[in-house]
C-alpha atoms as a PDB file:
ATOM      1  CA  MET A   1     -34.169  -4.789  22.358  1.00  0.00           C
ATOM      2  CA  THR A   2     -32.950  -1.327  21.300  1.00  0.00           C
ATOM      3  CA  ASP A   3     -35.167   0.526  18.834  1.00  0.00           C
ATOM      4  CA  SER A   4     -32.714   2.479  16.659  1.00  0.00           C
ATOM      5  CA  LYS A   5     -35.583   4.225  14.880  1.00  0.00           C
ATOM      6  CA  THR A   6     -36.836   5.705  18.166  1.00  0.00           C
ATOM      7  CA  LEU A   7     -33.331   6.785  19.132  1.00  0.00           C
ATOM      8  CA  SER A   8     -32.756   8.418  15.732  1.00  0.00           C
ATOM      9  CA  ALA A   9     -36.091  10.210  15.872  1.00  0.00           C
ATOM     10  CA  ASN A  10     -35.785  11.524  19.407  1.00  0.00           C
ATOM     11  CA  ILE A  11     -32.108  12.284  19.981  1.00  0.00           C
ATOM     12  CA  PRO A  12     -29.774  13.627  17.258  1.00  0.00           C
ATOM     13  CA  THR A  13     -26.829  11.243  17.320  1.00  0.00           C
ATOM     14  CA  LEU A  14     -23.535  10.339  15.686  1.00  0.00           C
ATOM     15  CA  TYR A  15     -23.454   6.576  15.153  1.00  0.00           C
ATOM     16  CA  ILE A  16     -20.103   4.805  14.669  1.00  0.00           C
ATOM     17  CA  VAL A  17     -20.972   1.972  12.280  1.00  0.00           C
ATOM     18  CA  PRO A  18     -18.533  -0.838  11.416  1.00  0.00           C
ATOM     19  CA  THR A  19     -18.852  -2.330   7.931  1.00  0.00           C
ATOM     20  CA  PRO A  20     -17.633  -5.725   6.645  1.00  0.00           C
ATOM     21  CA  ILE A  21     -13.907  -6.206   6.054  1.00  0.00           C
ATOM     22  CA  GLY A  22     -14.651  -8.673   3.277  1.00  0.00           C
ATOM     23  CA  ASN A  23     -17.628 -10.965   3.608  1.00  0.00           C
ATOM     24  CA  LEU A  24     -20.764  -8.813   3.303  1.00  0.00           C
ATOM     25  CA  SER A  25     -22.704 -11.248   5.489  1.00  0.00           C
ATOM     26  CA  ASP A  26     -20.706  -9.980   8.467  1.00  0.00           C
ATOM     27  CA  ILE A  27     -22.672  -6.738   8.639  1.00  0.00           C
ATOM     28  CA  THR A  28     -25.009  -6.630  11.647  1.00  0.00           C
ATOM     29  CA  GLN A  29     -28.754  -6.184  11.500  1.00  0.00           C
ATOM     30  CA  ARG A  30     -28.410  -3.138  13.737  1.00  0.00           C
ATOM     31  CA  ALA A  31     -25.890  -1.575  11.334  1.00  0.00           C
ATOM     32  CA  ILE A  32     -28.322  -2.006   8.439  1.00  0.00           C
ATOM     33  CA  GLU A  33     -31.126  -0.422  10.484  1.00  0.00           C
ATOM     34  CA  VAL A  34     -29.005   2.559  11.502  1.00  0.00           C
ATOM     35  CA  LEU A  35     -27.674   3.162   7.983  1.00  0.00           C
ATOM     36  CA  THR A  36     -31.249   3.034   6.682  1.00  0.00           C
ATOM     37  CA  GLU A  37     -32.725   5.378   9.260  1.00  0.00           C
ATOM     38  CA  VAL A  38     -30.126   8.127   9.770  1.00  0.00           C
ATOM     39  CA  ASP A  39     -30.345  11.392   7.845  1.00  0.00           C
ATOM     40  CA  LEU A  40     -26.821  11.210   6.431  1.00  0.00           C
ATOM     41  CA  ILE A  41     -23.875   8.801   6.161  1.00  0.00           C
ATOM     42  CA  ALA A  42     -20.358  10.252   6.485  1.00  0.00           C
ATOM     43  CA  ALA A  43     -18.195   7.942   4.382  1.00  0.00           C
ATOM     44  CA  GLU A  44     -14.450   7.656   3.762  1.00  0.00           C
ATOM     45  CA  ASP A  45     -15.139   6.947   0.069  1.00  0.00           C
ATOM     46  CA  THR A  46     -18.707   7.624  -1.057  1.00  0.00           C
ATOM     47  CA  ARG A  47     -18.328   5.481  -4.185  1.00  0.00           C
ATOM     48  CA  HIS A  48     -17.060   2.499  -2.188  1.00  0.00           C
ATOM     49  CA  THR A  49     -19.769   2.907   0.437  1.00  0.00           C
ATOM     50  CA  GLY A  50     -22.346   3.406  -2.308  1.00  0.00           C
ATOM     51  CA  LYS A  51     -21.760  -0.162  -3.500  1.00  0.00           C
ATOM     52  CA  LEU A  52     -22.370  -1.489   0.018  1.00  0.00           C
ATOM     53  CA  LEU A  53     -25.530   0.585   0.416  1.00  0.00           C
ATOM     54  CA  SER A  54     -26.810  -0.548  -2.967  1.00  0.00           C
ATOM     55  CA  TYR A  55     -26.244  -4.190  -2.041  1.00  0.00           C
ATOM     56  CA  PHE A  56     -28.440  -3.768   1.048  1.00  0.00           C
ATOM     57  CA  ASN A  57     -30.945  -1.528  -0.752  1.00  0.00           C
ATOM     58  CA  ILE A  58     -30.150   1.484   1.468  1.00  0.00           C
ATOM     59  CA  HIS A  59     -30.856   4.891  -0.069  1.00  0.00           C
ATOM     60  CA  THR A  60     -29.508   7.268   2.601  1.00  0.00           C
ATOM     61  CA  LYS A  61     -27.486  10.224   1.285  1.00  0.00           C
ATOM     62  CA  THR A  62     -23.715  10.161   1.778  1.00  0.00           C
ATOM     63  CA  PHE A  63     -21.165  12.840   2.649  1.00  0.00           C
ATOM     64  CA  ALA A  64     -17.427  12.494   1.925  1.00  0.00           C
ATOM     65  CA  LEU A  65     -15.288  12.560   5.073  1.00  0.00           C
ATOM     66  CA  HIS A  66     -11.713  11.406   4.561  1.00  0.00           C
ATOM     67  CA  ASP A  67      -8.156  12.081   5.727  1.00  0.00           C
ATOM     68  CA  HIS A  68      -7.758  15.142   3.503  1.00  0.00           C
ATOM     69  CA  ASN A  69     -10.906  17.038   4.527  1.00  0.00           C
ATOM     70  CA  GLU A  70     -11.919  15.739   7.942  1.00  0.00           C
ATOM     71  CA  GLN A  71     -10.587  18.593  10.054  1.00  0.00           C
ATOM     72  CA  GLN A  72     -12.422  21.111   7.866  1.00  0.00           C
ATOM     73  CA  LYS A  73     -15.671  19.164   7.361  1.00  0.00           C
ATOM     74  CA  ALA A  74     -16.126  17.764  10.867  1.00  0.00           C
ATOM     75  CA  GLN A  75     -17.601  21.004  12.160  1.00  0.00           C
ATOM     76  CA  VAL A  76     -20.142  21.009   9.309  1.00  0.00           C
ATOM     77  CA  LEU A  77     -21.364  17.585  10.451  1.00  0.00           C
ATOM     78  CA  VAL A  78     -21.419  18.607  14.111  1.00  0.00           C
ATOM     79  CA  GLU A  79     -23.628  21.557  13.208  1.00  0.00           C
ATOM     80  CA  LYS A  80     -25.988  19.283  11.283  1.00  0.00           C
ATOM     81  CA  ILE A  81     -26.364  17.064  14.341  1.00  0.00           C
ATOM     82  CA  LEU A  82     -26.943  20.096  16.597  1.00  0.00           C
ATOM     83  CA  GLN A  83     -29.691  21.133  14.173  1.00  0.00           C
ATOM     84  CA  GLY A  84     -31.483  17.837  14.774  1.00  0.00           C
ATOM     85  CA  HIS A  85     -30.031  15.380  12.251  1.00  0.00           C
ATOM     86  CA  SER A  86     -28.577  11.956  13.002  1.00  0.00           C
ATOM     87  CA  ILE A  87     -25.461  10.850  11.136  1.00  0.00           C
ATOM     88  CA  ALA A  88     -23.707   7.510  10.684  1.00  0.00           C
ATOM     89  CA  LEU A  89     -19.922   7.413  10.318  1.00  0.00           C
ATOM     90  CA  VAL A  90     -18.458   4.582   8.219  1.00  0.00           C
ATOM     91  CA  SER A  91     -15.045   3.788   6.778  1.00  0.00           C
ATOM     92  CA  ASP A  92     -14.296   1.702   3.696  1.00  0.00           C
ATOM     93  CA  ALA A  93     -14.104  -1.461   5.790  1.00  0.00           C
ATOM     94  CA  GLY A  94     -14.138  -2.392   9.459  1.00  0.00           C
ATOM     95  CA  THR A  95     -14.553  -0.119  12.458  1.00  0.00           C
ATOM     96  CA  PRO A  96     -14.114   3.626  11.853  1.00  0.00           C
ATOM     97  CA  LEU A  97     -11.143   5.378  13.530  1.00  0.00           C
ATOM     98  CA  ILE A  98      -9.014   2.188  13.596  1.00  0.00           C
ATOM     99  CA  SER A  99      -6.328   3.415  11.151  1.00  0.00           C
ATOM    100  CA  ASP A 100      -9.193   5.188   9.382  1.00  0.00           C
ATOM    101  CA  PRO A 101     -10.724   8.697   9.493  1.00  0.00           C
ATOM    102  CA  GLY A 102     -13.149   9.751  12.198  1.00  0.00           C
ATOM    103  CA  TYR A 103     -11.127  10.905  15.194  1.00  0.00           C
ATOM    104  CA  HIS A 104     -11.619  14.620  14.570  1.00  0.00           C
ATOM    105  CA  LEU A 105     -15.358  14.213  14.050  1.00  0.00           C
ATOM    106  CA  VAL A 106     -15.854  12.137  17.185  1.00  0.00           C
ATOM    107  CA  HIS A 107     -13.654  14.488  19.210  1.00  0.00           C
ATOM    108  CA  GLN A 108     -15.577  17.550  18.078  1.00  0.00           C
ATOM    109  CA  CYS A 109     -18.894  15.819  18.753  1.00  0.00           C
ATOM    110  CA  ARG A 110     -17.815  14.995  22.298  1.00  0.00           C
ATOM    111  CA  GLN A 111     -16.615  18.551  22.814  1.00  0.00           C
ATOM    112  CA  ALA A 112     -19.985  19.888  21.597  1.00  0.00           C
ATOM    113  CA  GLY A 113     -21.979  17.562  23.820  1.00  0.00           C
ATOM    114  CA  VAL A 114     -23.306  15.534  20.883  1.00  0.00           C
ATOM    115  CA  ARG A 115     -24.467  12.018  21.650  1.00  0.00           C
ATOM    116  CA  VAL A 116     -22.056   9.428  20.181  1.00  0.00           C
ATOM    117  CA  VAL A 117     -23.224   5.805  19.916  1.00  0.00           C
ATOM    118  CA  PRO A 118     -20.753   3.077  18.864  1.00  0.00           C
ATOM    119  CA  LEU A 119     -21.973  -0.116  17.219  1.00  0.00           C
ATOM    120  CA  PRO A 120     -19.910  -3.288  17.611  1.00  0.00           C
ATOM    121  CA  GLY A 121     -18.783  -5.019  14.461  1.00  0.00           C
ATOM    122  CA  ALA A 122     -15.981  -6.095  12.149  1.00  0.00           C
ATOM    123  CA  CYS A 123     -12.394  -5.109  12.952  1.00  0.00           C
ATOM    124  CA  ALA A 124      -9.405  -6.748  11.247  1.00  0.00           C
ATOM    125  CA  VAL A 125      -7.197  -6.336  14.340  1.00  0.00           C
ATOM    126  CA  ILE A 126      -9.488  -8.348  16.616  1.00  0.00           C
ATOM    127  CA  THR A 127     -10.426 -10.841  13.905  1.00  0.00           C
ATOM    128  CA  ALA A 128      -6.750 -11.632  13.263  1.00  0.00           C
ATOM    129  CA  LEU A 129      -5.839 -11.785  16.949  1.00  0.00           C
ATOM    130  CA  SER A 130      -8.660 -14.179  17.769  1.00  0.00           C
ATOM    131  CA  ALA A 131      -7.378 -16.766  15.274  1.00  0.00           C
ATOM    132  CA  SER A 132      -3.623 -16.160  15.582  1.00  0.00           C
ATOM    133  CA  GLY A 133      -2.820 -18.500  18.431  1.00  0.00           C
ATOM    134  CA  LEU A 134      -0.734 -15.731  20.032  1.00  0.00           C
ATOM    135  CA  PRO A 135      -1.373 -14.508  23.590  1.00  0.00           C
ATOM    136  CA  SER A 136      -4.436 -12.254  23.564  1.00  0.00           C
ATOM    137  CA  ASP A 137      -4.657 -11.218  27.216  1.00  0.00           C
ATOM    138  CA  ARG A 138      -2.405  -8.210  26.494  1.00  0.00           C
ATOM    139  CA  PHE A 139      -1.838  -6.717  23.052  1.00  0.00           C
ATOM    140  CA  CYS A 140      -1.104  -3.391  21.387  1.00  0.00           C
ATOM    141  CA  PHE A 141      -2.285  -2.273  17.955  1.00  0.00           C
ATOM    142  CA  GLU A 142       0.487  -0.176  16.399  1.00  0.00           C
ATOM    143  CA  GLY A 143      -1.225   0.797  13.132  1.00  0.00           C
ATOM    144  CA  PHE A 144       0.812   0.796   9.919  1.00  0.00           C
ATOM    145  CA  LEU A 145       4.578   0.457  10.109  1.00  0.00           C
ATOM    146  CA  PRO A 146       6.508   3.422   8.638  1.00  0.00           C
ATOM    147  CA  ALA A 147       7.056   3.301   4.885  1.00  0.00           C
ATOM    148  CA  LYS A 148      10.828   3.911   5.014  1.00  0.00           C
ATOM    149  CA  SER A 149      13.185   1.252   6.310  1.00  0.00           C
ATOM    150  CA  LYS A 150      15.081   3.375   8.862  1.00  0.00           C
ATOM    151  CA  ALA A 151      11.903   4.629  10.500  1.00  0.00           C
ATOM    152  CA  ARG A 152      10.485   1.120  10.388  1.00  0.00           C
ATOM    153  CA  VAL A 153      13.561  -0.332  12.096  1.00  0.00           C
ATOM    154  CA  ASP A 154      13.399   2.393  14.756  1.00  0.00           C
ATOM    155  CA  LYS A 155       9.763   1.498  15.408  1.00  0.00           C
ATOM    156  CA  LEU A 156      10.521  -2.211  15.614  1.00  0.00           C
ATOM    157  CA  ASN A 157      13.397  -1.543  18.020  1.00  0.00           C
ATOM    158  CA  SER A 158      10.982   0.354  20.251  1.00  0.00           C
ATOM    159  CA  ILE A 159       8.685  -2.680  20.581  1.00  0.00           C
ATOM    160  CA  ALA A 160      11.331  -5.437  20.454  1.00  0.00           C
ATOM    161  CA  LYS A 161      11.308  -6.064  24.224  1.00  0.00           C
ATOM    162  CA  HIS A 162       7.566  -5.629  24.746  1.00  0.00           C
ATOM    163  CA  SER A 163       6.152  -8.730  26.415  1.00  0.00           C
ATOM    164  CA  HIS A 164       2.673  -8.357  24.895  1.00  0.00           C
ATOM    165  CA  THR A 165       1.534  -9.224  21.371  1.00  0.00           C
ATOM    166  CA  SER A 166       2.126  -6.364  18.899  1.00  0.00           C
ATOM    167  CA  ILE A 167      -0.181  -5.978  15.898  1.00  0.00           C
ATOM    168  CA  PHE A 168       0.456  -4.057  12.677  1.00  0.00           C
ATOM    169  CA  TYR A 169      -1.292  -3.379   9.398  1.00  0.00           C
ATOM    170  CA  GLU A 170       0.907  -3.618   6.305  1.00  0.00           C
ATOM    171  CA  SER A 171       0.449  -2.987   2.610  1.00  0.00           C
ATOM    172  CA  THR A 172       0.972  -5.589  -0.078  1.00  0.00           C
ATOM    173  CA  HIS A 173       3.945  -3.815  -1.701  1.00  0.00           C
ATOM    174  CA  ARG A 174       5.850  -3.470   1.607  1.00  0.00           C
ATOM    175  CA  ILE A 175       5.128  -6.751   3.362  1.00  0.00           C
ATOM    176  CA  LEU A 176       8.390  -8.511   2.451  1.00  0.00           C
ATOM    177  CA  ASP A 177      10.524  -5.463   3.258  1.00  0.00           C
ATOM    178  CA  SER A 178       8.806  -5.150   6.618  1.00  0.00           C
ATOM    179  CA  LEU A 179       9.282  -8.830   7.432  1.00  0.00           C
ATOM    180  CA  GLN A 180      12.980  -8.534   6.515  1.00  0.00           C
ATOM    181  CA  ASP A 181      13.356  -5.555   8.863  1.00  0.00           C
ATOM    182  CA  MET A 182      11.587  -7.574  11.576  1.00  0.00           C
ATOM    183  CA  LEU A 183      14.084 -10.371  10.980  1.00  0.00           C
ATOM    184  CA  HIS A 184      16.956  -7.910  11.435  1.00  0.00           C
ATOM    185  CA  VAL A 185      15.527  -6.494  14.675  1.00  0.00           C
ATOM    186  CA  LEU A 186      13.663  -9.395  16.269  1.00  0.00           C
ATOM    187  CA  GLY A 187      15.634 -12.418  15.097  1.00  0.00           C
ATOM    188  CA  SER A 188      14.656 -15.504  13.151  1.00  0.00           C
ATOM    189  CA  GLU A 189      13.024 -17.329  16.072  1.00  0.00           C
ATOM    190  CA  ARG A 190      10.414 -14.718  16.996  1.00  0.00           C
ATOM    191  CA  GLU A 191       6.964 -16.116  16.247  1.00  0.00           C
ATOM    192  CA  VAL A 192       5.020 -13.969  13.782  1.00  0.00           C
ATOM    193  CA  VAL A 193       1.575 -14.526  12.302  1.00  0.00           C
ATOM    194  CA  LEU A 194       0.570 -13.180   8.895  1.00  0.00           C
ATOM    195  CA  ALA A 195      -3.188 -12.858   8.424  1.00  0.00           C
ATOM    196  CA  ARG A 196      -4.274 -11.781   4.938  1.00  0.00           C
ATOM    197  CA  GLU A 197      -7.574 -11.319   3.128  1.00  0.00           C
ATOM    198  CA  LEU A 198      -9.570 -11.976   6.306  1.00  0.00           C
ATOM    199  CA  THR A 199     -13.163 -13.151   5.695  1.00  0.00           C
ATOM    200  CA  LYS A 200     -12.513 -13.187   1.926  1.00  0.00           C
ATOM    201  CA  THR A 201     -12.190 -16.084  -0.517  1.00  0.00           C
ATOM    202  CA  PHE A 202      -8.404 -16.405  -0.179  1.00  0.00           C
ATOM    203  CA  GLU A 203      -8.167 -15.860   3.576  1.00  0.00           C
ATOM    204  CA  THR A 204      -4.826 -17.108   4.918  1.00  0.00           C
ATOM    205  CA  ILE A 205      -3.532 -17.170   8.490  1.00  0.00           C
ATOM    206  CA  GLN A 206      -0.001 -18.507   8.863  1.00  0.00           C
ATOM    207  CA  GLY A 207       2.179 -18.412  11.954  1.00  0.00           C
ATOM    208  CA  LEU A 208       5.841 -19.480  11.996  1.00  0.00           C
ATOM    209  CA  PRO A 209       9.196 -18.437  13.428  1.00  0.00           C
ATOM    210  CA  LEU A 210      10.068 -15.299  11.475  1.00  0.00           C
ATOM    211  CA  GLY A 211      12.861 -16.840   9.419  1.00  0.00           C
ATOM    212  CA  GLU A 212      10.556 -19.634   8.260  1.00  0.00           C
ATOM    213  CA  LEU A 213       7.641 -17.270   7.664  1.00  0.00           C
ATOM    214  CA  ILE A 214       9.665 -15.153   5.240  1.00  0.00           C
ATOM    215  CA  GLU A 215      10.600 -18.247   3.237  1.00  0.00           C
ATOM    216  CA  TRP A 216       6.954 -19.360   3.254  1.00  0.00           C
ATOM    217  CA  VAL A 217       5.824 -15.994   1.882  1.00  0.00           C
ATOM    218  CA  LYS A 218       8.480 -16.080  -0.854  1.00  0.00           C
ATOM    219  CA  LEU A 219       7.262 -19.473  -2.074  1.00  0.00           C
ATOM    220  CA  ASP A 220       4.090 -17.985  -3.571  1.00  0.00           C
ATOM    221  CA  GLN A 221       3.749 -14.422  -4.864  1.00  0.00           C
ATOM    222  CA  ASN A 222       0.046 -14.500  -4.009  1.00  0.00           C
ATOM    223  CA  ARG A 223       1.018 -14.573  -0.335  1.00  0.00           C
ATOM    224  CA  THR A 224       2.203 -10.959  -0.636  1.00  0.00           C
ATOM    225  CA  LYS A 225      -1.155  -9.752  -1.950  1.00  0.00           C
ATOM    226  CA  GLY A 226      -4.260  -8.453  -0.207  1.00  0.00           C
ATOM    227  CA  GLU A 227      -5.065  -6.752   3.086  1.00  0.00           C
ATOM    228  CA  MET A 228      -2.424  -7.673   5.680  1.00  0.00           C
ATOM    229  CA  VAL A 229      -2.363  -7.950   9.465  1.00  0.00           C
ATOM    230  CA  VAL A 230       0.978  -8.873  11.051  1.00  0.00           C
ATOM    231  CA  LEU A 231       1.020 -10.117  14.653  1.00  0.00           C
ATOM    232  CA  VAL A 232       4.265 -10.413  16.614  1.00  0.00           C
ATOM    233  CA  HIS A 233       4.642 -12.582  19.699  1.00  0.00           C
ATOM    234  CA  GLY A 234       5.836 -10.665  22.730  1.00  0.00           C
ATOM    235  CA  TYR A 235       9.452 -10.877  23.860  1.00  0.00           C
ATOM    236  CA  ARG A 236      10.332 -14.059  25.725  1.00  0.00           C
ATOM    237  CA  GLU A 237      13.913 -14.238  26.916  1.00  0.00           C
ATOM    238  CA  THR A 238      13.782 -17.980  27.494  1.00  0.00           C
ATOM    239  CA  SER A 239      12.564 -18.667  23.956  1.00  0.00           C
ATOM    240  CA  GLN A 240      15.774 -17.311  22.468  1.00  0.00           C
ATOM    241  CA  ASN A 241      18.360 -18.091  25.161  1.00  0.00           C
ATOM    242  CA  GLU A 242      17.265 -21.471  26.554  1.00  0.00           C
ATOM    243  CA  ILE A 243      14.527 -23.221  24.598  1.00  0.00           C
ATOM    244  CA  PRO A 244      14.819 -23.917  20.851  1.00  0.00           C
ATOM    245  CA  ALA A 245      11.950 -22.914  18.597  1.00  0.00           C
ATOM    246  CA  GLU A 246      11.300 -26.568  17.701  1.00  0.00           C
ATOM    247  CA  ALA A 247      10.790 -27.419  21.371  1.00  0.00           C
ATOM    248  CA  ILE A 248       8.428 -24.503  21.844  1.00  0.00           C
ATOM    249  CA  ARG A 249       6.354 -25.609  18.899  1.00  0.00           C
ATOM    250  CA  LEU A 250       6.157 -29.193  20.192  1.00  0.00           C
ATOM    251  CA  LEU A 251       5.274 -28.072  23.721  1.00  0.00           C
ATOM    252  CA  THR A 252       2.579 -25.749  22.362  1.00  0.00           C
ATOM    253  CA  LEU A 253       1.020 -28.551  20.309  1.00  0.00           C
ATOM    254  CA  LEU A 254       1.164 -31.121  23.123  1.00  0.00           C
ATOM    255  CA  ALA A 255      -0.276 -28.693  25.680  1.00  0.00           C
ATOM    256  CA  LYS A 256      -3.438 -28.449  23.582  1.00  0.00           C
ATOM    257  CA  GLU A 257      -4.139 -32.142  24.229  1.00  0.00           C
ATOM    258  CA  LEU A 258      -2.287 -32.946  27.471  1.00  0.00           C
ATOM    259  CA  PRO A 259      -1.760 -31.425  30.940  1.00  0.00           C
ATOM    260  CA  LEU A 260       1.112 -28.948  30.847  1.00  0.00           C
ATOM    261  CA  LYS A 261       3.316 -31.062  33.139  1.00  0.00           C
ATOM    262  CA  LYS A 262       2.946 -34.082  30.872  1.00  0.00           C
ATOM    263  CA  ALA A 263       3.544 -31.982  27.746  1.00  0.00           C
ATOM    264  CA  ALA A 264       6.663 -30.483  29.326  1.00  0.00           C
ATOM    265  CA  ALA A 265       7.990 -33.930  30.285  1.00  0.00           C
ATOM    266  CA  ILE A 266       7.564 -35.328  26.764  1.00  0.00           C
ATOM    267  CA  THR A 267       9.140 -32.238  25.187  1.00  0.00           C
ATOM    268  CA  ALA A 268      12.055 -32.362  27.630  1.00  0.00           C
ATOM    269  CA  GLU A 269      12.737 -35.985  26.731  1.00  0.00           C
ATOM    270  CA  MET A 270      12.465 -35.353  22.987  1.00  0.00           C
ATOM    271  CA  HIS A 271      14.811 -32.348  23.002  1.00  0.00           C
ATOM    272  CA  ASN A 272      17.084 -33.207  25.960  1.00  0.00           C
ATOM    273  CA  LEU A 273      15.945 -30.157  27.940  1.00  0.00           C
ATOM    274  CA  LYS A 274      15.031 -29.465  31.555  1.00  0.00           C
ATOM    275  CA  LYS A 275      11.398 -30.262  32.310  1.00  0.00           C
ATOM    276  CA  ASN A 276      11.091 -27.470  34.879  1.00  0.00           C
ATOM    277  CA  ALA A 277      12.280 -24.802  32.411  1.00  0.00           C
ATOM    278  CA  LEU A 278       9.711 -25.969  29.867  1.00  0.00           C
ATOM    279  CA  TYR A 279       6.962 -26.089  32.488  1.00  0.00           C
ATOM    280  CA  LYS A 280       7.802 -22.573  33.680  1.00  0.00           C
ATOM    281  CA  TRP A 281       7.817 -21.282  30.099  1.00  0.00           C
ATOM    282  CA  GLY A 282       4.431 -22.877  29.527  1.00  0.00           C
ATOM    283  CA  LEU A 283       2.921 -21.298  32.640  1.00  0.00           C
ATOM    284  CA  GLU A 284       4.121 -17.857  31.522  1.00  0.00           C
ATOM    285  CA  SER A 285       3.378 -18.109  27.813  1.00  0.00           C
ATOM    286  CA  LEU A 286       0.554 -20.564  27.094  1.00  0.00           C
END
């Protein structure tokens, strides 16, 4: 068992500490120990982090490190560590550096020979992917889509033929516009999963062909609110040119309970399709 107190006392260190993305119970015991024992916490928003620290009765001092000051303040923190202090880096939620500040600090620490220790913990990208039902053996996190439609369409065109799962963050006031641009670029049959408010009271994870997903979102204004992760199934030529979306959905459901050959045979009979094409699609995609 690692003794974080001994590490903090003996070797000045930068700790990368994930914090909960919603449910406060998701914080790890190790994260609490590190945040309690370090000399300083570098936080994206000290007021936001202050509420978390207060909840866990942690009294460590905080230091503001955000997008607008990181390049200037990182060296100050590096010097503190070189002088013998240990520092924890946190963002407002989830794992630092994942669409959050921290890159410049970590880079400068590595350049200066400072010890950097990452803690595992909450990350909306991985949380969403694990429950999405989309292929997870290969995926790419693309961060936030561009705010303007033309740039967004250009970005979507660049990933349209990628065979792996693509993952985006999106804001509540742009989610419908982004889904409409996806519809324009990717087509109505591309499977997309919308994961919102993960680990929170109104957590929702819905996956549908894109055309249906947009209509589902429009049915309830609440479905456009909250923290959003959008996951896009990789490009599958057969899914658009040979096999209807309804057949894919049936095959996917049946394959969870039956051998793939049997699932393919039933789907072929139901939709008047070739069993071999369905079986091949299943081998490649399920």
